Amino acid sequence: MPRFSPTLAALDQKEVKVQGFMLPLDVGEKHAFFILSAVPPTCSFCMPGGKLSVLKDDPTGIFYRLTDAVQAK
């Protein structure tokens, strides 16, 4: 089970703004599932705000999930 710092654990279920690069997991014009990377694949853009979930026991091994994201203007 992962161990999160108190600072990170305090962000669980809070709205946050995350900056990074979206790497889609499927082909298409719209994407529901993607990986967020700190390293740009080829070009840069910023991710909008959304609710950050700190996953303590996800069976797939994922530590964080961003939901309810909206496109930044």
C-alpha atoms as a PDB file:
ATOM      1  CA  MET A   1       0.000   0.000   0.000  1.00  0.00           C
ATOM      2  CA  PRO A   2       1.454   3.420  -0.912  1.00  0.00           C
ATOM      3  CA  ARG A   3       2.386   5.936   1.767  1.00  0.00           C
ATOM      4  CA  PHE A   4       1.545   9.579   1.062  1.00  0.00           C
ATOM      5  CA  SER A   5       3.040  12.588   2.802  1.00  0.00           C
ATOM      6  CA  PRO A   6       0.618  14.539   5.038  1.00  0.00           C
ATOM      7  CA  THR A   7       0.791  17.450   2.565  1.00  0.00           C
ATOM      8  CA  LEU A   8      -0.291  15.263  -0.359  1.00  0.00           C
ATOM      9  CA  ALA A   9      -2.876  13.322   1.652  1.00  0.00           C
ATOM     10  CA  ALA A  10      -4.492  16.652   2.618  1.00  0.00           C
ATOM     11  CA  LEU A  11      -5.309  17.229  -1.081  1.00  0.00           C
ATOM     12  CA  ASP A  12      -7.522  14.127  -1.247  1.00  0.00           C
ATOM     13  CA  GLN A  13     -10.980  15.041  -2.655  1.00  0.00           C
ATOM     14  CA  LYS A  14     -10.004  18.724  -3.080  1.00  0.00           C
ATOM     15  CA  GLU A  15     -10.221  20.745  -6.284  1.00  0.00           C
ATOM     16  CA  VAL A  16      -6.737  21.299  -7.665  1.00  0.00           C
ATOM     17  CA  LYS A  17      -5.138  22.796 -10.768  1.00  0.00           C
ATOM     18  CA  VAL A  18      -2.651  20.442 -12.369  1.00  0.00           C
ATOM     19  CA  GLN A  19      -0.174  21.457 -15.025  1.00  0.00           C
ATOM     20  CA  GLY A  20       1.204  18.806 -17.331  1.00  0.00           C
ATOM     21  CA  PHE A  21       0.899  17.041 -20.659  1.00  0.00           C
ATOM     22  CA  MET A  22      -1.962  14.773 -21.691  1.00  0.00           C
ATOM     23  CA  LEU A  23      -0.986  11.442 -23.251  1.00  0.00           C
ATOM     24  CA  PRO A  24      -4.196   9.807 -24.599  1.00  0.00           C
ATOM     25  CA  LEU A  25      -4.645   6.068 -24.055  1.00  0.00           C
ATOM     26  CA  ASP A  26      -6.856   5.618 -27.114  1.00  0.00           C
ATOM     27  CA  VAL A  27      -7.201   7.018 -30.629  1.00  0.00           C
ATOM     28  CA  GLY A  28      -9.857   9.608 -31.449  1.00  0.00           C
ATOM     29  CA  GLU A  29     -10.862  13.240 -31.320  1.00  0.00           C
ATOM     30  CA  LYS A  30     -12.102  13.136 -27.693  1.00  0.00           C
ATOM     31  CA  HIS A  31     -10.476  11.280 -24.818  1.00  0.00           C
ATOM     32  CA  ALA A  32     -11.955   9.988 -21.578  1.00  0.00           C
ATOM     33  CA  PHE A  33      -8.803   8.222 -20.373  1.00  0.00           C
ATOM     34  CA  PHE A  34      -5.253   9.544 -20.498  1.00  0.00           C
ATOM     35  CA  ILE A  35      -2.004   9.727 -18.577  1.00  0.00           C
ATOM     36  CA  LEU A  36      -0.796  13.092 -17.293  1.00  0.00           C
ATOM     37  CA  SER A  37       2.958  13.568 -17.697  1.00  0.00           C
ATOM     38  CA  ALA A  38       5.369  16.222 -16.440  1.00  0.00           C
ATOM     39  CA  VAL A  39       7.423  15.711 -19.618  1.00  0.00           C
ATOM     40  CA  PRO A  40       6.016  17.048 -22.923  1.00  0.00           C
ATOM     41  CA  PRO A  41       5.502  14.442 -25.665  1.00  0.00           C
ATOM     42  CA  THR A  42       5.973  16.974 -28.523  1.00  0.00           C
ATOM     43  CA  CYS A  43       4.085  20.144 -27.571  1.00  0.00           C
ATOM     44  CA  SER A  44       3.002  21.806 -24.338  1.00  0.00           C
ATOM     45  CA  PHE A  45      -0.325  22.856 -22.889  1.00  0.00           C
ATOM     46  CA  CYS A  46      -1.821  23.237 -19.409  1.00  0.00           C
ATOM     47  CA  MET A  47      -4.389  20.990 -17.798  1.00  0.00           C
ATOM     48  CA  PRO A  48      -7.527  22.478 -16.236  1.00  0.00           C
ATOM     49  CA  GLY A  49      -8.616  22.215 -12.625  1.00  0.00           C
ATOM     50  CA  GLY A  50     -10.409  19.109 -11.345  1.00  0.00           C
ATOM     51  CA  LYS A  51     -10.901  16.987  -8.261  1.00  0.00           C
ATOM     52  CA  LEU A  52      -7.753  15.099  -7.251  1.00  0.00           C
ATOM     53  CA  SER A  53      -8.305  11.708  -5.605  1.00  0.00           C
ATOM     54  CA  VAL A  54      -5.442  10.096  -3.711  1.00  0.00           C
ATOM     55  CA  LEU A  55      -5.960   6.357  -4.261  1.00  0.00           C
ATOM     56  CA  LYS A  56      -4.838   4.327  -1.283  1.00  0.00           C
ATOM     57  CA  ASP A  57      -5.622   0.793  -2.492  1.00  0.00           C
ATOM     58  CA  ASP A  58      -6.419   0.880  -6.214  1.00  0.00           C
ATOM     59  CA  PRO A  59      -6.163  -2.683  -7.611  1.00  0.00           C
ATOM     60  CA  THR A  60      -4.495  -1.393 -10.805  1.00  0.00           C
ATOM     61  CA  GLY A  61      -1.665   0.286  -8.877  1.00  0.00           C
ATOM     62  CA  ILE A  62      -2.656   3.856  -9.769  1.00  0.00           C
ATOM     63  CA  PHE A  63      -1.886   6.424  -7.047  1.00  0.00           C
ATOM     64  CA  TYR A  64      -3.922   9.469  -8.209  1.00  0.00           C
ATOM     65  CA  ARG A  65      -7.084  10.179 -10.225  1.00  0.00           C
ATOM     66  CA  LEU A  66      -8.283  13.538 -11.600  1.00  0.00           C
ATOM     67  CA  THR A  67     -12.062  13.818 -12.145  1.00  0.00           C
ATOM     68  CA  ASP A  68     -14.521  16.564 -13.090  1.00  0.00           C
ATOM     69  CA  ALA A  69     -11.858  18.399 -15.085  1.00  0.00           C
ATOM     70  CA  VAL A  70     -12.977  21.296 -17.258  1.00  0.00           C
ATOM     71  CA  GLN A  71     -11.286  22.904 -20.221  1.00  0.00           C
ATOM     72  CA  ALA A  72      -9.339  26.048 -19.325  1.00  0.00           C
ATOM     73  CA  LYS A  73     -10.238  29.237 -21.209  1.00  0.00           C
END
